[in-house]
Amino acid sequence: MLPLVIRELESVARAAGWTDAELGHQLGFHSRSWLSNLRAGRPLSTLAISRIACGFTEQPRVQELLWHYLKVEFPKTNLGSPSEMRLVGTLPPRAQRLLRDYVEHFPFEHLAGRGLWLESRVPSRLANAARFLLTANERRGIAVLRLLPGAAAPSRHDVLATHLLIVEHFDEASKAIHALVNERLLIRRPIIVTTPTREKRVASPVHRRGLFAVVDRVSLDAAETPQPSPAARPILLPPGAFES
C-alpha cells in the first residue's frame, strides 16, 4: 500500500502535469518501478524524505502527511544483528530502549535535527553505544561520520553533509571540531556526542544552551533518568560560540 504522503504527491503531480517518472525524479528515484517498489512495502529513502520536506514546503497537506509517515507508517525493522545485540546488550535496559528508538525513528530525528548526549562513567559503555549507533544506522543506509578522540578534524563538507555525526569523547574534542559542531547546529543536523563527565564540566553555559536545545541527555549508567531537552526547537549559536 502506498504511503499517504505519496498518494497526496500523486495528486500534486497530476495538478502540475507531471508524469510518474517526473515525480519520481523530484523525489530522487531513478527507477521506473519506484511506485511498484513503494506499494510492495519498500520504505522511503532518507533522500526522498528530505526532498519532500524541502521541496514541497508550500503544500501543508504534504508536510502533514510526511510527519504522519514518519510517526505511524514508517516500517519498523529488527535492529538485532548478533553484533548489534551484543553491543547494546551491555547497556542498562532504559538506555537500550532509548538508543533503539533513536535508530528506529532516525528519519524523524533527522528532519527535527535532534541528537543525543551520551554519558557514562564506564568507558566501554560509551564505546559500545557509539558503535551500536554507527552500525545500526549504516545498516539502514544512513551515512554516519564518526570522530574518535585525537583524530584530525575532517573536512567541513563531510561534517555538514553526513546524515549523522558522532563525536566520541566530546570532552577531548579540539577547538576545530567544536567549531564544526557549531556549524552543524546552525543548519539543524543531528549530532551524537559521548562523554564520561557531566555536561557542566564539559561546556560553558553558551555551549550547553546550544547543544541541549537539540540533543537529549541519556545516561548509560544504571538507573538515572534521562533528562529531556529544555526546548522543543534549537537555539542557533553565532559563529565562534564554541571558542574560548
Protein backbone atom coordinates (compact mmCIF):
# COMPACT_ATOMS: atom_id res chain seq x y z
CA MET A 1 0.00 0.00 0.00
CA LEU A 2 1.31 3.44 -0.92
CA PRO A 3 2.12 5.83 1.95
CA LEU A 4 -0.49 8.56 2.28
CA VAL A 5 2.12 11.24 1.57
CA ILE A 6 2.88 9.63 -1.82
CA ARG A 7 -0.82 9.50 -2.67
CA GLU A 8 -1.03 13.21 -1.92
CA LEU A 9 2.08 13.86 -4.02
CA GLU A 10 0.44 12.00 -6.91
CA SER A 11 -2.43 14.47 -6.70
CA VAL A 12 0.03 17.37 -6.64
CA ALA A 13 1.85 15.88 -9.64
CA ARG A 14 -1.36 15.48 -11.64
CA ALA A 15 -2.29 19.10 -10.96
CA ALA A 16 1.19 20.18 -12.13
CA GLY A 17 1.04 17.95 -15.21
CA TRP A 18 3.94 15.71 -14.12
CA THR A 19 4.31 12.10 -15.15
CA ASP A 20 5.09 9.41 -12.57
CA ALA A 21 8.69 9.43 -13.83
CA GLU A 22 8.95 13.19 -13.32
CA LEU A 23 7.56 12.92 -9.80
CA GLY A 24 9.98 10.09 -9.07
CA HIS A 25 12.88 12.26 -10.28
CA GLN A 26 11.77 15.04 -7.92
CA LEU A 27 11.94 12.53 -5.05
CA GLY A 28 15.33 11.10 -6.05
CA PHE A 29 14.02 7.86 -7.60
CA HIS A 30 15.70 6.85 -10.85
CA SER A 31 13.91 3.56 -11.42
CA ARG A 32 10.68 3.44 -13.42
CA SER A 33 9.39 0.90 -10.90
CA TRP A 34 9.63 3.24 -7.90
CA LEU A 35 5.86 3.30 -7.35
CA SER A 36 5.66 -0.51 -7.53
CA ASN A 37 8.51 -0.76 -5.03
CA LEU A 38 6.69 1.52 -2.58
CA ARG A 39 3.47 -0.45 -2.99
CA ALA A 40 5.47 -3.59 -2.18
CA GLY A 41 6.49 -2.09 1.16
CA ARG A 42 9.89 -0.55 0.45
CA PRO A 43 10.38 2.45 2.79
CA LEU A 44 11.05 5.95 1.54
CA SER A 45 14.76 6.68 1.42
CA THR A 46 16.32 9.43 3.53
CA LEU A 47 16.89 11.37 0.28
CA ALA A 48 13.21 11.11 -0.68
CA ILE A 49 12.10 12.21 2.80
CA SER A 50 14.48 15.16 2.67
CA ARG A 51 13.29 16.19 -0.81
CA ILE A 52 9.65 16.02 0.25
CA ALA A 53 10.39 18.09 3.36
CA CYS A 54 12.41 20.73 1.49
CA GLY A 55 10.77 20.71 -1.94
CA PHE A 56 7.08 20.85 -1.04
CA THR A 57 7.08 23.46 1.73
CA GLU A 58 4.09 25.25 0.19
CA GLN A 59 1.97 22.10 0.38
CA PRO A 60 0.79 21.91 4.03
CA ARG A 61 -1.09 18.66 3.43
CA VAL A 62 2.09 17.03 2.09
CA GLN A 63 4.05 18.21 5.13
CA GLU A 64 1.36 16.94 7.48
CA LEU A 65 1.32 13.51 5.83
CA LEU A 66 5.12 13.34 5.84
CA TRP A 67 5.10 13.63 9.63
CA HIS A 68 2.35 11.00 9.70
CA TYR A 69 4.54 8.70 7.60
CA LEU A 70 7.48 9.08 9.98
CA LYS A 71 5.42 8.63 13.12
CA VAL A 72 2.97 5.93 12.00
CA GLU A 73 3.68 4.36 8.61
CA PHE A 74 7.47 4.11 8.61
CA PRO A 75 8.34 0.38 8.66
CA LYS A 76 9.57 -0.93 11.99
CA THR A 77 12.61 -3.10 11.42
CA ASN A 78 14.52 -5.57 13.55
CA LEU A 79 17.62 -3.94 15.00
CA GLY A 80 19.04 -7.26 16.05
CA SER A 81 22.07 -8.40 14.12
CA PRO A 82 24.14 -10.50 16.54
CA SER A 83 26.93 -7.92 16.78
CA GLU A 84 24.47 -5.08 17.39
CA MET A 85 22.65 -7.08 20.06
CA ARG A 86 25.93 -7.75 21.83
CA LEU A 87 26.85 -4.07 21.80
CA VAL A 88 23.53 -2.70 23.02
CA GLY A 89 23.17 -5.60 25.47
CA THR A 90 26.00 -4.15 27.59
CA LEU A 91 23.83 -1.13 28.43
CA PRO A 92 21.09 -0.69 31.05
CA PRO A 93 17.57 -1.53 29.77
CA ARG A 94 16.41 2.10 29.69
CA ALA A 95 19.41 3.14 27.62
CA GLN A 96 18.92 0.16 25.29
CA ARG A 97 15.34 1.23 24.62
CA LEU A 98 16.24 4.87 24.00
CA LEU A 99 19.05 4.03 21.58
CA ARG A 100 16.89 1.51 19.69
CA ASP A 101 14.09 4.07 19.45
CA TYR A 102 16.51 6.67 18.11
CA VAL A 103 17.70 4.34 15.34
CA GLU A 104 14.17 3.21 14.51
CA HIS A 105 12.89 6.77 14.20
CA PHE A 106 16.02 8.33 12.72
CA PRO A 107 14.27 9.83 9.65
CA PHE A 108 12.02 11.74 12.07
CA GLU A 109 15.03 12.73 14.20
CA HIS A 110 16.94 13.81 11.10
CA LEU A 111 14.16 16.15 9.99
CA ALA A 112 13.90 17.59 13.50
CA GLY A 113 17.70 17.88 13.79
CA ARG A 114 17.70 16.03 17.10
CA GLY A 115 20.67 14.16 18.53
CA LEU A 116 21.88 12.52 21.74
CA TRP A 117 24.29 13.36 24.56
CA LEU A 118 25.52 10.04 25.95
CA GLU A 119 27.37 9.96 29.26
CA SER A 120 28.76 7.20 31.42
CA ARG A 121 31.45 6.57 34.00
CA VAL A 122 32.22 3.28 32.21
CA PRO A 123 34.33 3.84 29.04
CA SER A 124 33.27 0.55 27.44
CA ARG A 125 29.60 1.58 27.58
CA LEU A 126 30.33 4.81 25.73
CA ALA A 127 32.29 2.93 23.07
CA ASN A 128 29.63 0.22 22.68
CA ALA A 129 26.80 2.74 22.44
CA ALA A 130 28.64 4.70 19.74
CA ARG A 131 29.45 1.53 17.78
CA PHE A 132 25.83 0.36 18.01
CA LEU A 133 24.53 3.69 16.71
CA LEU A 134 27.11 3.62 13.91
CA THR A 135 26.47 0.06 12.71
CA ALA A 136 22.67 0.05 13.19
CA ASN A 137 22.25 3.30 11.25
CA GLU A 138 24.68 2.31 8.49
CA ARG A 139 22.81 -0.97 8.04
CA ARG A 140 19.71 1.11 7.26
CA GLY A 141 21.54 3.16 4.64
CA ILE A 142 22.23 6.19 6.85
CA ALA A 143 25.52 8.00 6.19
CA VAL A 144 27.37 8.29 9.53
CA LEU A 145 30.60 10.15 10.26
CA ARG A 146 32.33 9.05 13.46
CA LEU A 147 35.03 11.22 15.07
CA LEU A 148 37.33 9.46 17.52
CA PRO A 149 39.41 11.13 20.27
CA GLY A 150 42.61 12.66 18.95
CA ALA A 151 41.59 12.37 15.30
CA ALA A 152 42.26 15.28 12.97
CA ALA A 153 39.25 17.40 12.09
CA PRO A 154 37.57 16.12 8.89
CA SER A 155 36.60 18.40 6.04
CA ARG A 156 33.84 20.91 6.64
CA HIS A 157 31.90 19.42 3.70
CA ASP A 158 31.96 15.92 5.20
CA VAL A 159 30.79 17.15 8.61
CA LEU A 160 27.90 19.17 7.20
CA ALA A 161 26.82 16.67 4.52
CA THR A 162 26.65 13.46 6.55
CA HIS A 163 23.24 12.36 7.83
CA LEU A 164 24.54 11.73 11.35
CA LEU A 165 27.68 12.95 13.15
CA ILE A 166 29.03 11.01 16.15
CA VAL A 167 31.71 12.74 18.25
CA GLU A 168 33.23 10.36 20.79
CA HIS A 169 34.69 11.85 23.98
CA PHE A 170 33.42 15.33 23.25
CA ASP A 171 35.28 16.40 26.40
CA GLU A 172 38.55 15.82 24.49
CA ALA A 173 37.49 17.39 21.18
CA SER A 174 39.65 20.12 19.67
CA LYS A 175 38.55 23.69 19.02
CA ALA A 176 38.42 22.84 15.31
CA ILE A 177 35.89 20.06 15.96
CA HIS A 178 33.91 22.33 18.31
CA ALA A 179 33.69 24.88 15.51
CA LEU A 180 32.43 22.25 13.06
CA VAL A 181 29.86 21.03 15.59
CA ASN A 182 28.67 24.60 15.95
CA GLU A 183 28.22 24.93 12.18
CA ARG A 184 26.22 21.71 12.11
CA LEU A 185 23.99 23.01 14.90
CA LEU A 186 23.27 26.10 12.81
CA ILE A 187 21.88 24.00 9.94
CA ARG A 188 19.94 21.65 12.25
CA ARG A 189 21.70 18.36 11.52
CA PRO A 190 21.68 15.62 14.20
CA ILE A 191 24.75 15.18 16.39
CA ILE A 192 25.55 12.45 18.91
CA VAL A 193 28.27 13.11 21.46
CA THR A 194 29.71 10.83 24.14
CA THR A 195 31.46 11.94 27.31
CA PRO A 196 32.43 10.38 30.64
CA THR A 197 31.73 13.62 32.53
CA ARG A 198 28.75 15.78 33.35
CA GLU A 199 27.90 18.43 30.79
CA LYS A 200 28.55 21.32 33.19
CA ARG A 201 32.18 20.23 33.39
CA VAL A 202 32.49 19.89 29.63
CA ALA A 203 30.95 23.00 28.23
CA SER A 204 30.30 26.61 29.07
CA PRO A 205 26.71 27.86 29.55
CA VAL A 206 26.71 29.02 25.91
CA HIS A 207 27.73 25.54 24.75
CA ARG A 208 25.03 23.92 26.86
CA ARG A 209 22.27 26.23 25.60
CA GLY A 210 23.14 25.37 22.01
CA LEU A 211 23.73 21.65 22.38
CA PHE A 212 20.97 20.90 24.84
CA ALA A 213 18.38 22.59 22.66
CA VAL A 214 18.95 19.88 20.03
CA VAL A 215 20.07 16.79 21.98
CA ASP A 216 18.54 14.58 24.66
CA ARG A 217 20.82 13.59 27.52
CA VAL A 218 20.97 9.84 28.08
CA SER A 219 22.85 8.29 30.99
CA LEU A 220 24.32 4.87 30.21
CA ASP A 221 24.77 4.20 33.93
CA ALA A 222 22.32 2.17 35.99
CA ALA A 223 19.03 3.82 36.85
CA GLU A 224 19.49 7.50 36.09
CA THR A 225 16.50 9.13 34.41
CA PRO A 226 17.32 10.76 31.07
CA GLN A 227 16.71 14.49 31.07
CA PRO A 228 14.67 15.85 28.15
CA SER A 229 15.92 18.86 26.28
CA PRO A 230 14.66 22.16 27.70
CA ALA A 231 13.47 23.48 24.34
CA ALA A 232 11.49 21.99 21.51
CA ARG A 233 13.42 23.96 18.91
CA PRO A 234 17.16 24.50 18.56
CA ILE A 235 18.81 27.68 19.75
CA LEU A 236 21.12 28.72 16.95
CA LEU A 237 24.53 29.87 18.09
CA PRO A 238 26.55 32.57 16.35
CA PRO A 239 29.81 31.59 14.62
CA GLY A 240 32.64 31.24 17.11
CA ALA A 241 30.39 30.42 20.05
CA PHE A 242 32.42 27.30 20.83
CA GLU A 243 35.67 29.23 21.03
CA SER A 244 37.03 30.08 24.44
